[in-house]
């Protein structure tokens, strides 16, 4: 039997955001946790935020991010450890 985990779509923030944004994405049915990765495109720094055990479909950044452009990826993980592709 084949099983696949849906791919989350990042829904926010969009445009100018605070230095501690709330990052949100579509919920995927059957997911037990999400893996979140954020890069700073302005400085080239990788994984300025990396949380591998987010239990809901949102994450509030608590360490202020500097001014710049960022790229966010998220993937879903189900109870058996099946991982979706990155958003």
C-alpha atoms as a PDB file:
ATOM      1  CA  UNK A   1       0.000   0.000   0.000  1.00  0.00           C
ATOM      2  CA  UNK A   2       1.362   3.389  -0.974  1.00  0.00           C
ATOM      3  CA  UNK A   3       0.937   6.292   1.369  1.00  0.00           C
ATOM      4  CA  UNK A   4       1.961   9.879   0.848  1.00  0.00           C
ATOM      5  CA  UNK A   5       1.853  12.957   3.006  1.00  0.00           C
ATOM      6  CA  UNK A   6       0.431  16.111   1.431  1.00  0.00           C
ATOM      7  CA  UNK A   7       2.653  19.107   0.821  1.00  0.00           C
ATOM      8  CA  UNK A   8       1.979  22.111   3.076  1.00  0.00           C
ATOM      9  CA  UNK A   9       1.622  25.561   1.513  1.00  0.00           C
ATOM     10  CA  UNK A  10       3.071  28.481   3.462  1.00  0.00           C
ATOM     11  CA  UNK A  11       0.311  31.061   3.926  1.00  0.00           C
ATOM     12  CA  UNK A  12       1.991  33.787   5.929  1.00  0.00           C
ATOM     13  CA  UNK A  13       3.469  36.142   6.627  1.00  0.00           C
ATOM     14  CA  UNK A  14       3.372  37.893   3.272  1.00  0.00           C
ATOM     15  CA  UNK A  15       5.104  41.183   2.471  1.00  0.00           C
ATOM     16  CA  UNK A  16       6.500  43.292   5.284  1.00  0.00           C
ATOM     17  CA  UNK A  17       6.261  41.527   8.617  1.00  0.00           C
ATOM     18  CA  UNK A  18       7.418  42.191  12.144  1.00  0.00           C
ATOM     19  CA  UNK A  19      10.843  40.991  13.247  1.00  0.00           C
ATOM     20  CA  UNK A  20       9.079  38.167  15.113  1.00  0.00           C
ATOM     21  CA  UNK A  21       6.530  36.934  12.556  1.00  0.00           C
ATOM     22  CA  UNK A  22       3.974  34.194  12.976  1.00  0.00           C
ATOM     23  CA  UNK A  23       4.672  31.735  10.152  1.00  0.00           C
ATOM     24  CA  UNK A  24       1.618  29.722   9.084  1.00  0.00           C
ATOM     25  CA  UNK A  25       0.880  27.008   6.521  1.00  0.00           C
ATOM     26  CA  UNK A  26      -1.957  24.769   5.449  1.00  0.00           C
ATOM     27  CA  UNK A  27      -2.676  21.878   7.797  1.00  0.00           C
ATOM     28  CA  UNK A  28      -2.135  18.386   6.399  1.00  0.00           C
ATOM     29  CA  UNK A  29      -4.485  15.635   7.619  1.00  0.00           C
ATOM     30  CA  UNK A  30      -2.667  12.810   9.395  1.00  0.00           C
ATOM     31  CA  UNK A  31       0.377  14.900  10.248  1.00  0.00           C
ATOM     32  CA  UNK A  32       1.917  14.437  13.684  1.00  0.00           C
ATOM     33  CA  UNK A  33       4.536  17.176  13.334  1.00  0.00           C
ATOM     34  CA  UNK A  34       5.999  19.688  10.904  1.00  0.00           C
ATOM     35  CA  UNK A  35       9.613  20.523  10.050  1.00  0.00           C
ATOM     36  CA  UNK A  36      10.211  24.268   9.535  1.00  0.00           C
ATOM     37  CA  UNK A  37      13.270  25.820   7.845  1.00  0.00           C
ATOM     38  CA  UNK A  38      13.921  29.544   7.251  1.00  0.00           C
ATOM     39  CA  UNK A  39      16.864  31.048   5.323  1.00  0.00           C
ATOM     40  CA  UNK A  40      17.888  34.702   5.204  1.00  0.00           C
ATOM     41  CA  UNK A  41      18.190  35.497   1.491  1.00  0.00           C
ATOM     42  CA  UNK A  42      19.732  38.915   2.165  1.00  0.00           C
ATOM     43  CA  UNK A  43      22.743  37.619   4.115  1.00  0.00           C
ATOM     44  CA  UNK A  44      22.835  34.090   2.720  1.00  0.00           C
ATOM     45  CA  UNK A  45      22.511  32.611   6.216  1.00  0.00           C
ATOM     46  CA  UNK A  46      20.916  29.165   6.230  1.00  0.00           C
ATOM     47  CA  UNK A  47      18.557  27.846   8.899  1.00  0.00           C
ATOM     48  CA  UNK A  48      18.138  31.121  10.792  1.00  0.00           C
ATOM     49  CA  UNK A  49      15.051  29.367  12.108  1.00  0.00           C
ATOM     50  CA  UNK A  50      14.895  25.559  12.198  1.00  0.00           C
ATOM     51  CA  UNK A  51      12.250  23.752  14.196  1.00  0.00           C
ATOM     52  CA  UNK A  52      11.795  20.049  13.475  1.00  0.00           C
ATOM     53  CA  UNK A  53       8.973  19.261  15.901  1.00  0.00           C
ATOM     54  CA  UNK A  54       6.271  21.887  15.360  1.00  0.00           C
ATOM     55  CA  UNK A  55       2.984  20.329  16.481  1.00  0.00           C
ATOM     56  CA  UNK A  56       0.586  22.814  14.856  1.00  0.00           C
ATOM     57  CA  UNK A  57       0.428  24.468  11.439  1.00  0.00           C
ATOM     58  CA  UNK A  58       1.954  27.731  12.696  1.00  0.00           C
ATOM     59  CA  UNK A  59       5.119  28.852  14.443  1.00  0.00           C
ATOM     60  CA  UNK A  60       5.742  32.131  16.250  1.00  0.00           C
ATOM     61  CA  UNK A  61       9.336  33.294  15.805  1.00  0.00           C
ATOM     62  CA  UNK A  62      10.631  34.496  19.188  1.00  0.00           C
ATOM     63  CA  UNK A  63      14.196  35.545  18.314  1.00  0.00           C
ATOM     64  CA  UNK A  64      13.946  38.762  16.263  1.00  0.00           C
ATOM     65  CA  UNK A  65      14.935  38.431  12.617  1.00  0.00           C
ATOM     66  CA  UNK A  66      16.963  41.248  11.072  1.00  0.00           C
ATOM     67  CA  UNK A  67      15.715  43.324   8.162  1.00  0.00           C
ATOM     68  CA  UNK A  68      15.885  41.462   4.870  1.00  0.00           C
ATOM     69  CA  UNK A  69      14.236  38.859   2.699  1.00  0.00           C
ATOM     70  CA  UNK A  70      13.579  35.362   3.958  1.00  0.00           C
ATOM     71  CA  UNK A  71      12.502  32.070   2.421  1.00  0.00           C
ATOM     72  CA  UNK A  72      10.397  29.603   4.402  1.00  0.00           C
ATOM     73  CA  UNK A  73       9.990  25.885   3.802  1.00  0.00           C
ATOM     74  CA  UNK A  74       7.868  23.444   5.723  1.00  0.00           C
ATOM     75  CA  UNK A  75       7.229  19.723   5.390  1.00  0.00           C
ATOM     76  CA  UNK A  76       4.831  17.379   7.125  1.00  0.00           C
ATOM     77  CA  UNK A  77       5.686  14.162   8.958  1.00  0.00           C
ATOM     78  CA  UNK A  78       3.119  11.468   9.792  1.00  0.00           C
ATOM     79  CA  UNK A  79       3.104   8.967  12.682  1.00  0.00           C
ATOM     80  CA  UNK A  80       5.047   6.338  10.719  1.00  0.00           C
ATOM     81  CA  UNK A  81       7.775   8.854   9.846  1.00  0.00           C
ATOM     82  CA  UNK A  82       6.726   9.431   6.228  1.00  0.00           C
ATOM     83  CA  UNK A  83       7.943  12.904   5.230  1.00  0.00           C
ATOM     84  CA  UNK A  84       6.348  15.124   2.593  1.00  0.00           C
ATOM     85  CA  UNK A  85       8.405  17.090   0.086  1.00  0.00           C
ATOM     86  CA  UNK A  86       9.324  20.630   1.152  1.00  0.00           C
ATOM     87  CA  UNK A  87       6.694  23.281   0.464  1.00  0.00           C
END
